[in-house]
Amino acid sequence: MRLGGINISELARRGLRAKLRESLSDEEKIHLYQQYKQGEISEDVAEVLLGDGLAEIEREQDAFEDAMALDTDDIYQS
């Protein structure tokens, strides 16, 4: 639907996506990401619900895995 050259339907979809993303807690975002990684929800659904958060979670996960792989045998506190 257009009103004066503005696509009202597209504005509504964007607004709904933004509100959905804002309303999710960090725990819910993590749970959705896990569902996405396990194939329980599609990438499209994850993208709608998490938006940029999807890439952020993946970056944080990669950084965590890199940190876990560090050799800490020679590090000690005196």
N, C-alpha and C. Protein backbone atom coordinates (compact mmCIF):
# COMPACT_ATOMS: atom_id res chain seq x y z
N MET A 1 0.85 -1.17 0.00
CA MET A 1 0.00 0.00 0.00
C MET A 1 0.90 1.24 0.00
N ARG A 2 0.58 2.17 -0.83
CA ARG A 2 1.36 3.41 -0.93
C ARG A 2 0.49 4.60 -0.52
N LEU A 3 1.11 5.49 0.19
CA LEU A 3 0.42 6.71 0.60
C LEU A 3 1.36 7.87 0.32
N GLY A 4 1.05 8.66 -0.70
CA GLY A 4 1.89 9.80 -1.05
C GLY A 4 3.31 9.40 -1.40
N GLY A 5 3.49 8.27 -2.09
CA GLY A 5 4.81 7.81 -2.48
C GLY A 5 5.53 7.02 -1.40
N ILE A 6 4.92 6.82 -0.25
CA ILE A 6 5.53 6.07 0.84
C ILE A 6 4.90 4.68 0.90
N ASN A 7 5.73 3.66 0.92
CA ASN A 7 5.26 2.29 1.01
C ASN A 7 4.97 1.97 2.48
N ILE A 8 3.72 2.08 2.86
CA ILE A 8 3.30 1.88 4.25
C ILE A 8 3.57 0.45 4.71
N SER A 9 3.35 -0.53 3.85
CA SER A 9 3.57 -1.93 4.21
C SER A 9 5.03 -2.18 4.56
N GLU A 10 5.95 -1.61 3.77
CA GLU A 10 7.38 -1.80 4.03
C GLU A 10 7.78 -1.13 5.34
N LEU A 11 7.26 0.04 5.61
CA LEU A 11 7.54 0.71 6.88
C LEU A 11 7.05 -0.13 8.05
N ALA A 12 5.88 -0.72 7.91
CA ALA A 12 5.33 -1.56 8.97
C ALA A 12 6.21 -2.79 9.20
N ARG A 13 6.67 -3.41 8.12
CA ARG A 13 7.53 -4.59 8.26
C ARG A 13 8.84 -4.23 8.97
N ARG A 14 9.44 -3.12 8.57
CA ARG A 14 10.69 -2.69 9.20
C ARG A 14 10.48 -2.36 10.67
N GLY A 15 9.39 -1.71 10.97
CA GLY A 15 9.08 -1.36 12.36
C GLY A 15 8.86 -2.60 13.21
N LEU A 16 8.16 -3.57 12.66
CA LEU A 16 7.90 -4.82 13.39
C LEU A 16 9.21 -5.55 13.66
N ARG A 17 10.09 -5.62 12.66
CA ARG A 17 11.39 -6.27 12.84
C ARG A 17 12.18 -5.58 13.94
N ALA A 18 12.20 -4.27 13.91
CA ALA A 18 12.96 -3.52 14.91
C ALA A 18 12.41 -3.77 16.31
N LYS A 19 11.10 -3.77 16.45
CA LYS A 19 10.48 -4.01 17.76
C LYS A 19 10.73 -5.44 18.25
N LEU A 20 10.67 -6.41 17.34
CA LEU A 20 10.97 -7.78 17.73
C LEU A 20 12.40 -7.90 18.26
N ARG A 21 13.35 -7.30 17.56
CA ARG A 21 14.75 -7.35 17.97
C ARG A 21 14.96 -6.67 19.31
N GLU A 22 14.30 -5.56 19.52
CA GLU A 22 14.43 -4.82 20.77
C GLU A 22 13.84 -5.59 21.95
N SER A 23 12.81 -6.36 21.70
CA SER A 23 12.10 -7.03 22.79
C SER A 23 12.78 -8.32 23.26
N LEU A 24 13.73 -8.83 22.49
CA LEU A 24 14.38 -10.09 22.87
C LEU A 24 15.46 -9.86 23.92
N SER A 25 15.48 -10.71 24.93
CA SER A 25 16.53 -10.66 25.94
C SER A 25 17.79 -11.32 25.37
N ASP A 26 18.92 -11.12 26.03
CA ASP A 26 20.16 -11.74 25.58
C ASP A 26 20.04 -13.26 25.57
N GLU A 27 19.37 -13.80 26.58
CA GLU A 27 19.19 -15.26 26.66
C GLU A 27 18.36 -15.76 25.49
N GLU A 28 17.33 -15.02 25.13
CA GLU A 28 16.48 -15.40 24.00
C GLU A 28 17.27 -15.34 22.69
N LYS A 29 18.11 -14.32 22.56
CA LYS A 29 18.93 -14.20 21.36
C LYS A 29 19.89 -15.38 21.24
N ILE A 30 20.50 -15.76 22.35
CA ILE A 30 21.40 -16.91 22.35
C ILE A 30 20.65 -18.18 21.99
N HIS A 31 19.46 -18.35 22.55
CA HIS A 31 18.65 -19.53 22.26
C HIS A 31 18.27 -19.57 20.78
N LEU A 32 17.88 -18.43 20.22
CA LEU A 32 17.54 -18.38 18.80
C LEU A 32 18.76 -18.70 17.94
N TYR A 33 19.92 -18.19 18.34
CA TYR A 33 21.14 -18.48 17.59
C TYR A 33 21.45 -19.98 17.62
N GLN A 34 21.28 -20.61 18.79
CA GLN A 34 21.51 -22.04 18.90
C GLN A 34 20.53 -22.82 18.02
N GLN A 35 19.29 -22.39 17.98
CA GLN A 35 18.31 -23.04 17.11
C GLN A 35 18.72 -22.90 15.64
N TYR A 36 19.23 -21.73 15.28
CA TYR A 36 19.70 -21.49 13.92
C TYR A 36 20.87 -22.41 13.58
N LYS A 37 21.84 -22.51 14.47
CA LYS A 37 23.01 -23.35 14.22
C LYS A 37 22.65 -24.83 14.14
N GLN A 38 21.61 -25.24 14.84
CA GLN A 38 21.17 -26.64 14.83
C GLN A 38 20.21 -26.92 13.68
N GLY A 39 19.90 -25.89 12.89
CA GLY A 39 19.01 -26.07 11.75
C GLY A 39 17.54 -26.09 12.09
N GLU A 40 17.19 -25.70 13.30
CA GLU A 40 15.79 -25.70 13.72
C GLU A 40 15.03 -24.51 13.15
N ILE A 41 15.74 -23.41 12.88
CA ILE A 41 15.13 -22.26 12.22
C ILE A 41 16.03 -21.86 11.06
N SER A 42 15.45 -21.27 10.05
CA SER A 42 16.20 -20.91 8.85
C SER A 42 17.04 -19.66 9.08
N GLU A 43 17.99 -19.44 8.18
CA GLU A 43 18.82 -18.24 8.26
C GLU A 43 17.96 -16.99 8.09
N ASP A 44 16.95 -17.06 7.23
CA ASP A 44 16.06 -15.92 7.03
C ASP A 44 15.34 -15.54 8.32
N VAL A 45 14.85 -16.53 9.04
CA VAL A 45 14.15 -16.27 10.30
C VAL A 45 15.14 -15.70 11.33
N ALA A 46 16.32 -16.29 11.41
CA ALA A 46 17.33 -15.79 12.34
C ALA A 46 17.72 -14.36 12.01
N GLU A 47 17.82 -14.06 10.73
CA GLU A 47 18.18 -12.70 10.29
C GLU A 47 17.09 -11.70 10.67
N VAL A 48 15.82 -12.09 10.52
CA VAL A 48 14.72 -11.19 10.88
C VAL A 48 14.72 -10.94 12.38
N LEU A 49 14.89 -12.00 13.17
CA LEU A 49 14.81 -11.86 14.62
C LEU A 49 16.07 -11.28 15.25
N LEU A 50 17.23 -11.58 14.69
CA LEU A 50 18.48 -11.14 15.32
C LEU A 50 19.16 -9.99 14.59
N GLY A 51 18.89 -9.85 13.30
CA GLY A 51 19.49 -8.77 12.53
C GLY A 51 21.00 -8.78 12.62
N ASP A 52 21.58 -7.62 12.93
CA ASP A 52 23.03 -7.51 13.07
C ASP A 52 23.54 -8.35 14.24
N GLY A 53 22.65 -8.69 15.15
CA GLY A 53 23.04 -9.52 16.29
C GLY A 53 23.55 -10.89 15.88
N LEU A 54 23.08 -11.38 14.73
CA LEU A 54 23.53 -12.67 14.23
C LEU A 54 25.03 -12.64 13.97
N ALA A 55 25.50 -11.63 13.26
CA ALA A 55 26.93 -11.50 12.98
C ALA A 55 27.72 -11.21 14.26
N GLU A 56 27.12 -10.44 15.15
CA GLU A 56 27.80 -10.12 16.42
C GLU A 56 28.01 -11.38 17.26
N ILE A 57 27.00 -12.21 17.34
CA ILE A 57 27.11 -13.46 18.11
C ILE A 57 28.19 -14.35 17.50
N GLU A 58 28.22 -14.43 16.18
CA GLU A 58 29.22 -15.26 15.52
C GLU A 58 30.63 -14.73 15.76
N ARG A 59 30.80 -13.39 15.74
CA ARG A 59 32.12 -12.80 16.04
C ARG A 59 32.54 -13.11 17.48
N GLU A 60 31.61 -12.97 18.42
CA GLU A 60 31.91 -13.24 19.82
C GLU A 60 32.24 -14.72 20.02
N GLN A 61 31.52 -15.59 19.35
CA GLN A 61 31.78 -17.01 19.46
C GLN A 61 33.17 -17.34 18.92
N ASP A 62 33.53 -16.77 17.78
CA ASP A 62 34.86 -16.99 17.22
C ASP A 62 35.95 -16.48 18.15
N ALA A 63 35.74 -15.29 18.74
CA ALA A 63 36.73 -14.73 19.66
C ALA A 63 36.87 -15.60 20.90
N PHE A 64 35.76 -16.13 21.40
CA PHE A 64 35.79 -17.00 22.56
C PHE A 64 36.54 -18.29 22.25
N GLU A 65 36.27 -18.87 21.10
CA GLU A 65 36.96 -20.11 20.70
C GLU A 65 38.45 -19.87 20.52
N ASP A 66 38.83 -18.71 19.96
CA ASP A 66 40.24 -18.37 19.82
C ASP A 66 40.90 -18.22 21.18
N ALA A 67 40.20 -17.59 22.12
CA ALA A 67 40.75 -17.40 23.46
C ALA A 67 40.91 -18.74 24.17
N MET A 68 39.97 -19.64 23.96
CA MET A 68 40.05 -20.96 24.60
C MET A 68 41.21 -21.78 24.04
N ALA A 69 41.60 -21.49 22.81
CA ALA A 69 42.67 -22.25 22.17
C ALA A 69 44.06 -21.75 22.56
N LEU A 70 44.12 -20.61 23.25
CA LEU A 70 45.42 -20.09 23.65
C LEU A 70 46.12 -21.02 24.63
N ASP A 71 47.42 -21.11 24.50
CA ASP A 71 48.22 -21.95 25.40
C ASP A 71 48.51 -21.15 26.66
N THR A 72 47.97 -21.60 27.77
CA THR A 72 48.13 -20.87 29.03
C THR A 72 49.04 -21.62 30.00
N ASP A 73 49.75 -22.61 29.54
CA ASP A 73 50.61 -23.39 30.42
C ASP A 73 51.74 -22.56 31.03
N ASP A 74 52.24 -21.58 30.29
CA ASP A 74 53.36 -20.79 30.79
C ASP A 74 52.92 -19.54 31.55
N ILE A 75 51.64 -19.35 31.73
CA ILE A 75 51.13 -18.18 32.43
C ILE A 75 50.80 -18.58 33.86
N TYR A 76 51.35 -17.79 34.79
CA TYR A 76 51.07 -18.06 36.21
C TYR A 76 51.06 -16.75 36.97
N GLN A 77 50.46 -16.79 38.12
CA GLN A 77 50.38 -15.61 38.96
C GLN A 77 51.19 -15.87 40.21
N SER A 78 52.05 -14.90 40.57
CA SER A 78 52.87 -15.09 41.79
C SER A 78 52.40 -14.21 42.91
